[in-house]
Amino acid sequence: MSETERIKYCKEMKKLKRKEQKNKSYNKYKEKYNTSRIRSPKSEVSKSALYKRNQRQKMKEQKEKQNQYKRRSRDKTQNVRQQNNQNDDIPNAIFKNKMAKYRALKRLKDALPASPSKKQAILKHYMCVSPTAKQSLKRQSPSLSEKVLENMKGFIHETKQKRNYDARNAMHVISASVSGEKIQKEKKAKQRVSWDCTRGDFLAVKEFALLF
């Protein structure tokens, strides 16, 4: 082999070696770049599962808040109804709902005569004779004892909120003063009173009388 051929051969070998080194480094950094840029299937599944879990937790919290709001609104309306029933002269617990009250009034209207003057005469006579109506008139004009009881109720409510030793003693004194023997006898006597007509019929008559 001549000198020129040997030099040419060495140059070609160097080129091939250099090319192999470039390809090797290129493939090495290409794999590293691809692994850093592309997520593995395992990481994708875990992130999607985490997202779904967070969504379920948010929906659960939102549903719980809605249920709490419904419970609060239901309790509030129930308390308002109880207060309205307590403020009325005769409790409205006789009728289960407005529809039952409407049906009772309709039956009463159908049973009464068609003439307005006869209706007024019948209702006037009934209101004068019925003992239930007399009791309702007494309730409409509260006596001094009822006002005293209302004041005592307010005082008891305020005393309960304090929750201390003096308030407890005051509560004992009040409960002893309103729970005597005469008061207990009066309560039992009122419970034994028999009414001539039902309270439901009286309410229907009273509501109908207000129409005239």
N, C-alpha and C. Protein backbone atom coordinates (compact mmCIF):
# COMPACT_ATOMS: atom_id res chain seq x y z
N MET A 1 0.86 -1.19 0.00
CA MET A 1 0.00 0.00 0.00
C MET A 1 0.90 1.24 0.00
N SER A 2 0.59 2.12 -0.91
CA SER A 2 1.41 3.32 -1.02
C SER A 2 1.05 4.32 0.09
N GLU A 3 1.83 5.34 0.15
CA GLU A 3 1.62 6.33 1.20
C GLU A 3 0.33 7.10 1.01
N THR A 4 0.00 7.42 -0.19
CA THR A 4 -1.24 8.16 -0.47
C THR A 4 -2.48 7.33 -0.14
N GLU A 5 -2.41 6.02 -0.49
CA GLU A 5 -3.56 5.15 -0.20
C GLU A 5 -3.76 4.98 1.31
N ARG A 6 -2.63 4.86 2.01
CA ARG A 6 -2.73 4.69 3.47
C ARG A 6 -3.34 5.92 4.12
N ILE A 7 -2.94 7.14 3.66
CA ILE A 7 -3.49 8.37 4.22
C ILE A 7 -4.99 8.47 3.93
N LYS A 8 -5.37 8.09 2.71
CA LYS A 8 -6.78 8.12 2.34
C LYS A 8 -7.61 7.15 3.19
N TYR A 9 -7.05 5.98 3.42
CA TYR A 9 -7.75 4.97 4.23
C TYR A 9 -7.94 5.45 5.68
N CYS A 10 -6.92 6.07 6.22
CA CYS A 10 -7.01 6.58 7.60
C CYS A 10 -8.06 7.67 7.73
N LYS A 11 -8.15 8.53 6.72
CA LYS A 11 -9.15 9.59 6.76
C LYS A 11 -10.58 9.02 6.74
N GLU A 12 -10.78 7.99 5.90
CA GLU A 12 -12.11 7.38 5.83
C GLU A 12 -12.49 6.70 7.15
N MET A 13 -11.52 6.05 7.77
CA MET A 13 -11.78 5.39 9.05
C MET A 13 -12.13 6.41 10.13
N LYS A 14 -11.42 7.53 10.12
CA LYS A 14 -11.72 8.59 11.09
C LYS A 14 -13.14 9.14 10.87
N LYS A 15 -13.53 9.29 9.58
CA LYS A 15 -14.88 9.78 9.29
C LYS A 15 -15.94 8.82 9.81
N LEU A 16 -15.71 7.52 9.56
CA LEU A 16 -16.67 6.52 10.03
C LEU A 16 -16.77 6.51 11.56
N LYS A 17 -15.63 6.60 12.21
CA LYS A 17 -15.62 6.61 13.68
C LYS A 17 -16.34 7.84 14.22
N ARG A 18 -16.07 8.96 13.61
CA ARG A 18 -16.73 10.20 14.05
C ARG A 18 -18.24 10.13 13.82
N LYS A 19 -18.63 9.53 12.69
CA LYS A 19 -20.05 9.40 12.40
C LYS A 19 -20.74 8.48 13.42
N GLU A 20 -20.08 7.41 13.78
CA GLU A 20 -20.65 6.50 14.79
C GLU A 20 -20.80 7.20 16.14
N GLN A 21 -19.81 8.00 16.52
CA GLN A 21 -19.90 8.74 17.78
C GLN A 21 -21.07 9.73 17.77
N LYS A 22 -21.24 10.41 16.63
CA LYS A 22 -22.35 11.36 16.53
C LYS A 22 -23.71 10.66 16.65
N ASN A 23 -23.82 9.53 15.93
CA ASN A 23 -25.09 8.77 16.00
C ASN A 23 -25.37 8.27 17.42
N LYS A 24 -24.33 7.82 18.08
CA LYS A 24 -24.49 7.31 19.44
C LYS A 24 -24.94 8.41 20.40
N SER A 25 -24.28 9.57 20.33
CA SER A 25 -24.66 10.69 21.21
C SER A 25 -26.05 11.22 20.86
N TYR A 26 -26.38 11.21 19.55
CA TYR A 26 -27.70 11.69 19.14
C TYR A 26 -28.80 10.78 19.69
N ASN A 27 -28.62 9.50 19.55
CA ASN A 27 -29.62 8.56 20.07
C ASN A 27 -29.75 8.64 21.59
N LYS A 28 -28.62 8.84 22.25
CA LYS A 28 -28.64 8.93 23.72
C LYS A 28 -29.45 10.14 24.19
N TYR A 29 -29.15 11.31 23.65
CA TYR A 29 -29.87 12.51 24.08
C TYR A 29 -31.31 12.56 23.55
N LYS A 30 -31.55 11.88 22.44
CA LYS A 30 -32.91 11.80 21.93
C LYS A 30 -33.81 11.01 22.89
N GLU A 31 -33.33 9.89 23.38
CA GLU A 31 -34.11 9.10 24.35
C GLU A 31 -34.34 9.89 25.64
N LYS A 32 -33.31 10.59 26.09
CA LYS A 32 -33.45 11.39 27.31
C LYS A 32 -34.47 12.51 27.12
N TYR A 33 -34.43 13.14 25.97
CA TYR A 33 -35.38 14.21 25.68
C TYR A 33 -36.81 13.67 25.61
N ASN A 34 -36.98 12.55 24.96
CA ASN A 34 -38.33 11.97 24.83
C ASN A 34 -38.89 11.54 26.19
N THR A 35 -38.08 10.96 27.03
CA THR A 35 -38.56 10.54 28.36
C THR A 35 -38.94 11.73 29.22
N SER A 36 -38.25 12.86 29.06
CA SER A 36 -38.58 14.05 29.85
C SER A 36 -39.84 14.76 29.33
N ARG A 37 -40.10 14.65 28.03
CA ARG A 37 -41.23 15.34 27.44
C ARG A 37 -42.53 14.53 27.48
N ILE A 38 -42.45 13.25 27.34
CA ILE A 38 -43.63 12.38 27.26
C ILE A 38 -43.86 11.74 28.61
N ARG A 39 -45.12 11.84 29.11
CA ARG A 39 -45.48 11.22 30.39
C ARG A 39 -45.70 9.73 30.18
N SER A 40 -45.39 9.02 31.19
CA SER A 40 -45.64 7.58 31.15
C SER A 40 -47.13 7.31 31.36
N PRO A 41 -47.65 6.21 30.85
CA PRO A 41 -49.08 5.90 31.05
C PRO A 41 -49.47 5.80 32.52
N LYS A 42 -48.56 5.36 33.36
CA LYS A 42 -48.86 5.22 34.78
C LYS A 42 -49.14 6.57 35.42
N SER A 43 -48.31 7.60 35.10
CA SER A 43 -48.52 8.92 35.67
C SER A 43 -49.82 9.54 35.16
N GLU A 44 -50.19 9.29 33.89
CA GLU A 44 -51.44 9.81 33.36
C GLU A 44 -52.64 9.23 34.09
N VAL A 45 -52.62 7.95 34.35
CA VAL A 45 -53.72 7.30 35.06
C VAL A 45 -53.85 7.83 36.47
N SER A 46 -52.74 8.01 37.16
CA SER A 46 -52.79 8.49 38.54
C SER A 46 -53.32 9.92 38.60
N LYS A 47 -52.94 10.76 37.66
CA LYS A 47 -53.43 12.14 37.67
C LYS A 47 -54.92 12.21 37.34
N SER A 48 -55.35 11.40 36.40
CA SER A 48 -56.78 11.38 36.08
C SER A 48 -57.60 10.84 37.25
N ALA A 49 -57.06 9.82 37.93
CA ALA A 49 -57.77 9.28 39.10
C ALA A 49 -57.83 10.32 40.21
N LEU A 50 -56.73 11.06 40.39
CA LEU A 50 -56.72 12.12 41.41
C LEU A 50 -57.73 13.22 41.08
N TYR A 51 -57.84 13.56 39.82
CA TYR A 51 -58.81 14.58 39.40
C TYR A 51 -60.24 14.13 39.67
N LYS A 52 -60.53 12.86 39.33
CA LYS A 52 -61.87 12.33 39.57
C LYS A 52 -62.18 12.28 41.06
N ARG A 53 -61.18 11.91 41.86
CA ARG A 53 -61.38 11.85 43.31
C ARG A 53 -61.70 13.24 43.86
N ASN A 54 -60.98 14.24 43.38
CA ASN A 54 -61.25 15.61 43.84
C ASN A 54 -62.64 16.08 43.41
N GLN A 55 -63.05 15.69 42.21
CA GLN A 55 -64.38 16.07 41.74
C GLN A 55 -65.47 15.42 42.60
N ARG A 56 -65.27 14.15 42.94
CA ARG A 56 -66.25 13.47 43.79
C ARG A 56 -66.32 14.12 45.17
N GLN A 57 -65.17 14.51 45.71
CA GLN A 57 -65.15 15.16 47.02
C GLN A 57 -65.87 16.50 46.98
N LYS A 58 -65.65 17.26 45.91
CA LYS A 58 -66.33 18.56 45.78
C LYS A 58 -67.84 18.38 45.66
N MET A 59 -68.26 17.40 44.87
CA MET A 59 -69.70 17.14 44.73
C MET A 59 -70.32 16.71 46.05
N LYS A 60 -69.58 15.89 46.81
CA LYS A 60 -70.08 15.45 48.11
C LYS A 60 -70.24 16.63 49.07
N GLU A 61 -69.24 17.51 49.12
CA GLU A 61 -69.33 18.69 49.99
C GLU A 61 -70.47 19.61 49.56
N GLN A 62 -70.63 19.78 48.26
CA GLN A 62 -71.71 20.64 47.77
C GLN A 62 -73.08 20.06 48.13
N LYS A 63 -73.23 18.75 48.00
CA LYS A 63 -74.49 18.11 48.36
C LYS A 63 -74.77 18.23 49.85
N GLU A 64 -73.72 18.09 50.66
CA GLU A 64 -73.89 18.22 52.11
C GLU A 64 -74.31 19.64 52.49
N LYS A 65 -73.74 20.64 51.83
CA LYS A 65 -74.14 22.02 52.08
C LYS A 65 -75.61 22.25 51.70
N GLN A 66 -76.03 21.68 50.58
CA GLN A 66 -77.43 21.81 50.18
C GLN A 66 -78.36 21.17 51.20
N ASN A 67 -77.97 19.98 51.71
CA ASN A 67 -78.81 19.31 52.72
C ASN A 67 -78.88 20.13 54.00
N GLN A 68 -77.74 20.73 54.41
CA GLN A 68 -77.75 21.58 55.61
C GLN A 68 -78.65 22.79 55.41
N TYR A 69 -78.59 23.39 54.23
CA TYR A 69 -79.46 24.55 53.95
C TYR A 69 -80.93 24.14 53.99
N LYS A 70 -81.25 22.97 53.44
CA LYS A 70 -82.64 22.49 53.47
C LYS A 70 -83.10 22.24 54.90
N ARG A 71 -82.22 21.63 55.71
CA ARG A 71 -82.59 21.36 57.11
C ARG A 71 -82.82 22.66 57.87
N ARG A 72 -81.93 23.64 57.66
CA ARG A 72 -82.10 24.92 58.35
C ARG A 72 -83.38 25.62 57.94
N SER A 73 -83.67 25.63 56.64
CA SER A 73 -84.90 26.29 56.18
C SER A 73 -86.14 25.55 56.69
N ARG A 74 -86.09 24.21 56.73
CA ARG A 74 -87.23 23.44 57.22
C ARG A 74 -87.45 23.70 58.71
N ASP A 75 -86.35 23.72 59.49
CA ASP A 75 -86.48 24.01 60.92
C ASP A 75 -87.01 25.42 61.16
N LYS A 76 -86.55 26.37 60.32
CA LYS A 76 -87.00 27.75 60.49
C LYS A 76 -88.50 27.88 60.22
N THR A 77 -88.95 27.27 59.12
CA THR A 77 -90.39 27.33 58.82
C THR A 77 -91.22 26.63 59.89
N GLN A 78 -90.68 25.52 60.42
CA GLN A 78 -91.41 24.81 61.47
C GLN A 78 -91.52 25.66 62.73
N ASN A 79 -90.43 26.36 63.08
CA ASN A 79 -90.47 27.24 64.26
C ASN A 79 -91.45 28.39 64.05
N VAL A 80 -91.47 28.94 62.84
CA VAL A 80 -92.41 30.03 62.55
C VAL A 80 -93.85 29.55 62.67
N ARG A 81 -94.12 28.34 62.18
CA ARG A 81 -95.47 27.80 62.29
C ARG A 81 -95.86 27.55 63.74
N GLN A 82 -94.92 27.03 64.53
CA GLN A 82 -95.22 26.81 65.94
C GLN A 82 -95.51 28.12 66.66
N GLN A 83 -94.72 29.16 66.35
CA GLN A 83 -94.96 30.46 66.98
C GLN A 83 -96.32 31.02 66.56
N ASN A 84 -96.67 30.86 65.28
CA ASN A 84 -97.97 31.34 64.82
C ASN A 84 -99.11 30.59 65.50
N ASN A 85 -98.94 29.29 65.68
CA ASN A 85 -99.98 28.51 66.35
C ASN A 85 -100.11 28.90 67.82
N GLN A 86 -98.98 29.22 68.46
CA GLN A 86 -99.04 29.65 69.86
C GLN A 86 -99.67 31.02 70.00
N ASN A 87 -99.45 31.88 69.00
CA ASN A 87 -100.02 33.23 69.08
C ASN A 87 -101.52 33.25 68.80
N ASP A 88 -102.01 32.26 68.09
CA ASP A 88 -103.45 32.22 67.79
C ASP A 88 -104.25 31.94 69.06
N ASP A 89 -105.51 32.41 69.05
CA ASP A 89 -106.39 32.13 70.19
C ASP A 89 -106.68 30.65 70.32
N ILE A 90 -106.96 30.00 69.19
CA ILE A 90 -107.20 28.56 69.16
C ILE A 90 -106.15 27.95 68.25
N PRO A 91 -105.48 26.91 68.65
CA PRO A 91 -104.42 26.34 67.81
C PRO A 91 -104.96 25.88 66.46
N ASN A 92 -104.14 26.03 65.44
CA ASN A 92 -104.52 25.62 64.09
C ASN A 92 -104.19 24.17 63.81
N ALA A 93 -103.82 23.41 64.85
CA ALA A 93 -103.47 22.01 64.66
C ALA A 93 -104.68 21.13 64.41
N ILE A 94 -105.90 21.73 64.40
CA ILE A 94 -107.11 20.95 64.15
C ILE A 94 -107.10 20.45 62.72
N PHE A 95 -106.73 21.31 61.78
CA PHE A 95 -106.65 20.93 60.38
C PHE A 95 -105.20 20.59 60.05
N LYS A 96 -105.04 19.50 59.34
CA LYS A 96 -103.68 19.07 58.99
C LYS A 96 -103.04 20.02 57.99
N ASN A 97 -103.84 20.55 57.07
CA ASN A 97 -103.30 21.45 56.05
C ASN A 97 -104.41 22.39 55.58
N LYS A 98 -104.07 23.25 54.64
CA LYS A 98 -105.03 24.23 54.13
C LYS A 98 -106.17 23.57 53.36
N MET A 99 -105.86 22.45 52.71
CA MET A 99 -106.90 21.77 51.93
C MET A 99 -107.99 21.22 52.84
N ALA A 100 -107.59 20.66 54.00
CA ALA A 100 -108.59 20.14 54.93
C ALA A 100 -109.46 21.27 55.47
N LYS A 101 -108.84 22.43 55.73
CA LYS A 101 -109.60 23.59 56.20
C LYS A 101 -110.59 24.06 55.13
N TYR A 102 -110.13 24.09 53.88
CA TYR A 102 -111.00 24.52 52.77
C TYR A 102 -112.19 23.57 52.61
N ARG A 103 -111.95 22.26 52.74
CA ARG A 103 -113.04 21.29 52.59
C ARG A 103 -114.07 21.44 53.72
N ALA A 104 -113.57 21.69 54.95
CA ALA A 104 -114.50 21.87 56.07
C ALA A 104 -115.37 23.10 55.86
N LEU A 105 -114.77 24.19 55.39
CA LEU A 105 -115.55 25.41 55.12
C LEU A 105 -116.56 25.18 53.99
N LYS A 106 -116.14 24.41 52.98
CA LYS A 106 -117.06 24.15 51.86
C LYS A 106 -118.25 23.31 52.33
N ARG A 107 -118.01 22.31 53.18
CA ARG A 107 -119.12 21.52 53.70
C ARG A 107 -120.08 22.38 54.53
N LEU A 108 -119.50 23.32 55.30
CA LEU A 108 -120.35 24.20 56.10
C LEU A 108 -121.18 25.12 55.21
N LYS A 109 -120.57 25.67 54.16
CA LYS A 109 -121.32 26.54 53.24
C LYS A 109 -122.46 25.79 52.56
N ASP A 110 -122.18 24.55 52.17
CA ASP A 110 -123.23 23.76 51.51
C ASP A 110 -124.36 23.41 52.46
N ALA A 111 -124.03 23.23 53.76
CA ALA A 111 -125.06 22.85 54.73
C ALA A 111 -125.95 24.03 55.12
N LEU A 112 -125.43 25.26 55.06
CA LEU A 112 -126.22 26.43 55.45
C LEU A 112 -127.21 26.81 54.34
N PRO A 113 -128.28 27.51 54.68
CA PRO A 113 -129.25 27.93 53.66
C PRO A 113 -128.64 28.96 52.71
N ALA A 114 -129.30 29.13 51.57
CA ALA A 114 -128.77 30.02 50.53
C ALA A 114 -128.99 31.49 50.86
N SER A 115 -130.00 31.82 51.63
CA SER A 115 -130.31 33.21 51.93
C SER A 115 -129.27 33.80 52.89
N PRO A 116 -128.70 34.98 52.59
CA PRO A 116 -127.72 35.58 53.50
C PRO A 116 -128.30 35.93 54.87
N SER A 117 -129.55 36.37 54.90
CA SER A 117 -130.16 36.73 56.18
C SER A 117 -130.33 35.50 57.07
N LYS A 118 -130.75 34.38 56.47
CA LYS A 118 -130.89 33.15 57.25
C LYS A 118 -129.52 32.64 57.73
N LYS A 119 -128.52 32.79 56.88
CA LYS A 119 -127.17 32.39 57.30
C LYS A 119 -126.73 33.19 58.51
N GLN A 120 -126.93 34.50 58.45
CA GLN A 120 -126.53 35.35 59.57
C GLN A 120 -127.29 35.00 60.84
N ALA A 121 -128.58 34.70 60.70
CA ALA A 121 -129.39 34.36 61.88
C ALA A 121 -128.91 33.07 62.52
N ILE A 122 -128.62 32.07 61.67
CA ILE A 122 -128.17 30.77 62.21
C ILE A 122 -126.82 30.92 62.90
N LEU A 123 -125.90 31.62 62.24
CA LEU A 123 -124.56 31.78 62.82
C LEU A 123 -124.60 32.62 64.09
N LYS A 124 -125.44 33.65 64.08
CA LYS A 124 -125.56 34.50 65.28
C LYS A 124 -126.11 33.70 66.45
N HIS A 125 -127.13 32.89 66.19
CA HIS A 125 -127.70 32.06 67.25
C HIS A 125 -126.67 31.04 67.75
N TYR A 126 -125.93 30.46 66.82
CA TYR A 126 -124.92 29.47 67.22
C TYR A 126 -123.81 30.11 68.06
N MET A 127 -123.37 31.30 67.68
CA MET A 127 -122.30 31.97 68.42
C MET A 127 -122.77 32.37 69.81
N CYS A 128 -124.05 32.66 69.97
CA CYS A 128 -124.57 33.03 71.29
C CYS A 128 -124.76 31.82 72.19
N VAL A 129 -125.12 30.68 71.61
CA VAL A 129 -125.44 29.49 72.41
C VAL A 129 -124.21 28.64 72.69
N SER A 130 -123.30 28.56 71.73
CA SER A 130 -122.18 27.61 71.84
C SER A 130 -121.25 28.00 72.99
N PRO A 131 -120.92 27.07 73.90
CA PRO A 131 -119.94 27.38 74.95
C PRO A 131 -118.54 27.58 74.39
N THR A 132 -118.24 26.93 73.27
CA THR A 132 -116.92 27.12 72.66
C THR A 132 -116.74 28.55 72.18
N ALA A 133 -117.80 29.14 71.62
CA ALA A 133 -117.72 30.53 71.17
C ALA A 133 -117.51 31.47 72.34
N LYS A 134 -118.17 31.17 73.47
CA LYS A 134 -117.98 32.02 74.65
C LYS A 134 -116.54 31.96 75.15
N GLN A 135 -115.98 30.76 75.11
CA GLN A 135 -114.58 30.64 75.53
C GLN A 135 -113.65 31.41 74.59
N SER A 136 -113.97 31.39 73.28
CA SER A 136 -113.13 32.13 72.34
C SER A 136 -113.22 33.63 72.57
N LEU A 137 -114.41 34.12 72.94
CA LEU A 137 -114.55 35.54 73.24
C LEU A 137 -113.74 35.92 74.46
N LYS A 138 -113.68 35.00 75.43
CA LYS A 138 -112.84 35.27 76.60
C LYS A 138 -111.37 35.32 76.22
N ARG A 139 -110.99 34.46 75.28
CA ARG A 139 -109.59 34.46 74.86
C ARG A 139 -109.25 35.73 74.10
N GLN A 140 -110.22 36.28 73.35
CA GLN A 140 -109.94 37.48 72.58
C GLN A 140 -109.69 38.69 73.46
N SER A 141 -110.23 38.71 74.67
CA SER A 141 -109.97 39.81 75.60
C SER A 141 -109.10 39.27 76.74
N PRO A 142 -107.80 39.32 76.62
CA PRO A 142 -106.93 38.72 77.63
C PRO A 142 -107.06 39.44 78.96
N SER A 143 -107.05 38.64 80.01
CA SER A 143 -107.18 39.19 81.36
C SER A 143 -105.81 39.58 81.90
N LEU A 144 -105.82 40.12 83.12
CA LEU A 144 -104.57 40.54 83.75
C LEU A 144 -103.67 39.34 84.04
N SER A 145 -104.28 38.21 84.41
CA SER A 145 -103.47 37.03 84.71
C SER A 145 -102.73 36.53 83.47
N GLU A 146 -103.38 36.62 82.29
CA GLU A 146 -102.71 36.18 81.07
C GLU A 146 -101.52 37.09 80.73
N LYS A 147 -101.69 38.38 80.96
CA LYS A 147 -100.57 39.30 80.71
C LYS A 147 -99.42 39.03 81.67
N VAL A 148 -99.78 38.72 82.93
CA VAL A 148 -98.73 38.39 83.91
C VAL A 148 -97.98 37.14 83.47
N LEU A 149 -98.72 36.14 82.96
CA LEU A 149 -98.07 34.92 82.50
C LEU A 149 -97.15 35.19 81.31
N GLU A 150 -97.57 36.07 80.41
CA GLU A 150 -96.71 36.41 79.27
C GLU A 150 -95.41 37.07 79.74
N ASN A 151 -95.54 37.98 80.72
CA ASN A 151 -94.34 38.61 81.26
C ASN A 151 -93.42 37.59 81.94
N MET A 152 -94.05 36.63 82.65
CA MET A 152 -93.25 35.60 83.31
C MET A 152 -92.54 34.71 82.29
N LYS A 153 -93.21 34.42 81.18
CA LYS A 153 -92.57 33.62 80.14
C LYS A 153 -91.34 34.34 79.59
N GLY A 154 -91.48 35.63 79.33
CA GLY A 154 -90.34 36.39 78.84
C GLY A 154 -89.20 36.43 79.84
N PHE A 155 -89.55 36.59 81.12
CA PHE A 155 -88.52 36.61 82.16
C PHE A 155 -87.82 35.25 82.27
N ILE A 156 -88.59 34.16 82.16
CA ILE A 156 -88.00 32.82 82.23
C ILE A 156 -87.07 32.59 81.05
N HIS A 157 -87.48 33.03 79.87
CA HIS A 157 -86.62 32.85 78.69
C HIS A 157 -85.30 33.61 78.84
N GLU A 158 -85.38 34.84 79.34
CA GLU A 158 -84.15 35.61 79.54
C GLU A 158 -83.27 35.00 80.63
N THR A 159 -83.91 34.46 81.68
CA THR A 159 -83.13 33.88 82.77
C THR A 159 -82.43 32.60 82.33
N LYS A 160 -83.06 31.83 81.47
CA LYS A 160 -82.43 30.59 80.99
C LYS A 160 -81.17 30.88 80.19
N GLN A 161 -81.16 31.99 79.47
CA GLN A 161 -80.00 32.32 78.65
C GLN A 161 -78.77 32.67 79.47
N LYS A 162 -78.97 33.12 80.72
CA LYS A 162 -77.83 33.56 81.53
C LYS A 162 -76.97 32.39 82.00
N ARG A 163 -77.61 31.28 82.46
CA ARG A 163 -76.90 30.07 82.85
C ARG A 163 -75.85 30.32 83.95
N ASN A 164 -76.29 30.85 85.05
CA ASN A 164 -75.41 31.01 86.21
C ASN A 164 -76.17 30.61 87.47
N TYR A 165 -75.50 30.74 88.64
CA TYR A 165 -76.09 30.27 89.90
C TYR A 165 -77.31 31.11 90.29
N ASP A 166 -77.21 32.42 90.16
CA ASP A 166 -78.34 33.29 90.52
C ASP A 166 -79.54 33.03 89.62
N ALA A 167 -79.28 32.83 88.33
CA ALA A 167 -80.38 32.56 87.40
C ALA A 167 -81.06 31.24 87.75
N ARG A 168 -80.27 30.24 88.18
CA ARG A 168 -80.86 28.95 88.56
C ARG A 168 -81.77 29.11 89.78
N ASN A 169 -81.32 29.88 90.76
CA ASN A 169 -82.16 30.12 91.95
C ASN A 169 -83.44 30.86 91.59
N ALA A 170 -83.32 31.84 90.68
CA ALA A 170 -84.52 32.57 90.26
C ALA A 170 -85.50 31.65 89.54
N MET A 171 -84.99 30.70 88.76
CA MET A 171 -85.86 29.75 88.08
C MET A 171 -86.58 28.85 89.07
N HIS A 172 -85.89 28.43 90.15
CA HIS A 172 -86.54 27.60 91.17
C HIS A 172 -87.68 28.37 91.85
N VAL A 173 -87.45 29.64 92.13
CA VAL A 173 -88.47 30.45 92.79
C VAL A 173 -89.69 30.62 91.88
N ILE A 174 -89.44 30.89 90.59
CA ILE A 174 -90.55 31.10 89.65
C ILE A 174 -91.35 29.81 89.48
N SER A 175 -90.65 28.67 89.31
CA SER A 175 -91.36 27.41 89.12
C SER A 175 -92.18 27.03 90.35
N ALA A 176 -91.68 27.36 91.54
CA ALA A 176 -92.43 27.06 92.76
C ALA A 176 -93.66 27.97 92.88
N SER A 177 -93.54 29.21 92.41
CA SER A 177 -94.66 30.14 92.55
C SER A 177 -95.80 29.83 91.58
N VAL A 178 -95.49 29.22 90.44
CA VAL A 178 -96.54 28.94 89.46
C VAL A 178 -96.98 27.48 89.48
N SER A 179 -96.56 26.71 90.45
CA SER A 179 -96.92 25.29 90.52
C SER A 179 -97.55 24.94 91.86
N GLY A 180 -98.40 25.81 92.37
CA GLY A 180 -99.06 25.54 93.65
C GLY A 180 -100.21 24.56 93.52
N GLU A 181 -100.84 24.24 94.68
CA GLU A 181 -101.93 23.26 94.68
C GLU A 181 -103.17 23.80 93.97
N LYS A 182 -103.49 25.07 94.17
CA LYS A 182 -104.68 25.64 93.53
C LYS A 182 -104.54 25.65 92.01
N ILE A 183 -103.36 25.96 91.56
CA ILE A 183 -103.15 25.99 90.11
C ILE A 183 -103.29 24.60 89.52
N GLN A 184 -102.76 23.60 90.21
CA GLN A 184 -102.88 22.22 89.73
C GLN A 184 -104.34 21.78 89.70
N LYS A 185 -105.12 22.14 90.73
CA LYS A 185 -106.54 21.77 90.75
C LYS A 185 -107.30 22.45 89.61
N GLU A 186 -106.95 23.71 89.36
CA GLU A 186 -107.63 24.43 88.28
C GLU A 186 -107.32 23.80 86.92
N LYS A 187 -106.08 23.36 86.73
CA LYS A 187 -105.72 22.70 85.47
C LYS A 187 -106.51 21.41 85.27
N LYS A 188 -106.63 20.62 86.34
CA LYS A 188 -107.37 19.36 86.24
C LYS A 188 -108.85 19.61 85.98
N ALA A 189 -109.40 20.66 86.59
CA ALA A 189 -110.81 20.97 86.37
C ALA A 189 -111.07 21.38 84.93
N LYS A 190 -110.14 22.13 84.35
CA LYS A 190 -110.31 22.55 82.96
C LYS A 190 -110.21 21.36 82.01
N GLN A 191 -109.38 20.40 82.37
CA GLN A 191 -109.25 19.23 81.50
C GLN A 191 -110.50 18.36 81.51
N ARG A 192 -111.29 18.43 82.58
CA ARG A 192 -112.50 17.60 82.69
C ARG A 192 -113.73 18.25 82.05
N VAL A 193 -113.57 19.47 81.57
CA VAL A 193 -114.72 20.15 80.97
C VAL A 193 -115.05 19.48 79.63
N SER A 194 -116.32 19.21 79.42
CA SER A 194 -116.78 18.58 78.17
C SER A 194 -117.38 19.67 77.27
N TRP A 195 -116.95 19.67 76.03
CA TRP A 195 -117.42 20.67 75.08
C TRP A 195 -118.62 20.11 74.31
N ASP A 196 -119.59 20.99 73.99
CA ASP A 196 -120.78 20.56 73.26
C ASP A 196 -120.50 20.34 71.78
N CYS A 197 -119.59 21.07 71.23
CA CYS A 197 -119.25 20.89 69.82
C CYS A 197 -117.75 20.77 69.68
N THR A 198 -117.30 20.18 68.62
CA THR A 198 -115.87 19.99 68.43
C THR A 198 -115.22 21.31 68.07
N ARG A 199 -113.92 21.38 68.33
CA ARG A 199 -113.20 22.62 68.03
C ARG A 199 -113.09 22.83 66.53
N GLY A 200 -113.07 21.73 65.78
CA GLY A 200 -112.99 21.88 64.33
C GLY A 200 -114.22 22.53 63.76
N ASP A 201 -115.40 22.11 64.24
CA ASP A 201 -116.64 22.73 63.76
C ASP A 201 -116.71 24.19 64.14
N PHE A 202 -116.24 24.52 65.35
CA PHE A 202 -116.27 25.92 65.76
C PHE A 202 -115.36 26.78 64.89
N LEU A 203 -114.18 26.25 64.57
CA LEU A 203 -113.28 27.02 63.71
C LEU A 203 -113.92 27.26 62.34
N ALA A 204 -114.57 26.23 61.81
CA ALA A 204 -115.21 26.40 60.51
C ALA A 204 -116.30 27.47 60.58
N VAL A 205 -117.11 27.45 61.65
CA VAL A 205 -118.17 28.46 61.80
C VAL A 205 -117.57 29.84 61.96
N LYS A 206 -116.50 29.93 62.72
CA LYS A 206 -115.87 31.24 62.94
C LYS A 206 -115.31 31.80 61.64
N GLU A 207 -114.62 30.94 60.85
CA GLU A 207 -114.08 31.41 59.58
C GLU A 207 -115.21 31.81 58.63
N PHE A 208 -116.30 31.06 58.65
CA PHE A 208 -117.40 31.38 57.75
C PHE A 208 -118.11 32.66 58.17
N ALA A 209 -118.19 32.91 59.49
CA ALA A 209 -118.85 34.11 59.97
C ALA A 209 -118.09 35.37 59.57
N LEU A 210 -116.78 35.26 59.40
CA LEU A 210 -116.00 36.43 59.01
C LEU A 210 -116.27 36.84 57.57
N LEU A 211 -116.89 35.96 56.79
CA LEU A 211 -117.17 36.30 55.41
C LEU A 211 -118.31 37.31 55.28
N PHE A 212 -119.16 37.45 56.30
CA PHE A 212 -120.33 38.33 56.23
C PHE A 212 -120.02 39.69 56.83
